[in-house]
Protein backbone atom coordinates (compact mmCIF):
# COMPACT_ATOMS: atom_id res chain seq x y z
CA MET A 1 2.11 -14.65 6.47
CA LYS A 2 -0.43 -12.08 5.74
CA LEU A 3 0.28 -8.34 5.13
CA PHE A 4 -2.37 -5.50 4.49
CA ILE A 5 -1.60 -2.61 2.27
CA LEU A 6 -3.56 0.63 3.23
CA TYR A 7 -4.63 2.59 0.08
CA GLN A 8 -6.75 5.87 -0.19
CA THR A 9 -8.38 6.07 -3.63
CA ASP A 10 -11.40 8.20 -5.16
CA VAL A 11 -14.93 7.43 -4.40
CA TRP A 12 -15.07 4.85 -7.32
CA LYS A 13 -12.40 2.95 -5.89
CA SER A 14 -10.60 3.03 -9.28
CA LYS A 15 -7.02 1.46 -8.96
CA ALA A 16 -5.42 4.34 -11.04
CA SER A 17 -6.31 6.77 -8.39
CA ARG A 18 -4.73 4.56 -5.46
CA VAL A 19 -2.20 6.29 -3.12
CA CYS A 20 -0.54 3.74 -0.64
CA PHE A 21 -0.09 4.91 2.79
CA GLY A 22 1.47 1.75 4.47
CA ILE A 23 1.95 -1.94 5.12
CA PHE A 24 0.52 -3.27 8.19
CA ASP A 25 0.75 -6.82 10.08
CA SER A 26 -3.17 -6.67 10.66
CA ARG A 27 -6.12 -5.09 9.12
CA ASN A 28 -7.11 -3.41 12.34
CA LYS A 29 -3.79 -1.65 12.43
CA ALA A 30 -4.47 -0.37 9.11
CA ILE A 31 -7.82 0.84 9.87
CA ASP A 32 -6.60 2.51 12.92
CA SER A 33 -3.83 4.45 11.31
CA ALA A 34 -6.15 5.39 8.44
CA LYS A 35 -8.64 6.91 11.04
CA TYR A 36 -5.60 8.37 12.99
CA ASN A 37 -4.43 10.06 9.87
CA GLY A 38 -7.52 11.32 8.76
CA LEU A 39 -7.87 9.25 5.47
CA TYR A 40 -11.74 8.73 5.89
CA CYS A 41 -13.38 11.80 3.98
CA SER A 42 -16.50 12.47 1.79
CA CYS A 43 -14.35 12.69 -1.57
CA ALA A 44 -11.99 9.75 -0.92
CA GLU A 45 -12.56 5.86 0.04
CA VAL A 46 -9.94 3.68 2.16
CA VAL A 47 -8.93 0.26 0.90
CA VAL A 48 -7.23 -2.27 2.58
CA GLU A 49 -5.71 -5.19 0.61
CA GLU A 50 -4.91 -8.73 1.97
CA VAL A 51 -1.56 -9.97 0.34
CA THR A 52 0.45 -13.09 1.07
CA LEU A 53 4.33 -12.82 1.74
CA ASN A 54 6.40 -14.96 -0.04
CA LEU A 55 3.85 -16.22 -2.68
CA PHE A 56 4.30 -16.54 -6.39
CA GLU A 57 1.04 -16.34 -8.52
CA GLU A 58 0.94 -16.03 -12.49
CA ASN A 59 -1.95 -13.95 -13.53
């Protein structure tokens, strides 16, 4: 099962500046939520990261 994590970040999209705003079951719902809540602006970027539920990975 795929999940989509909605983040707002700085314009350089650095991981240190990420703020999580929710987890969704589709990319469209995440983007609609970001638009509805006004997360798109000139001083920030929105990132939707796709992750797989119940998946073990070593990095």
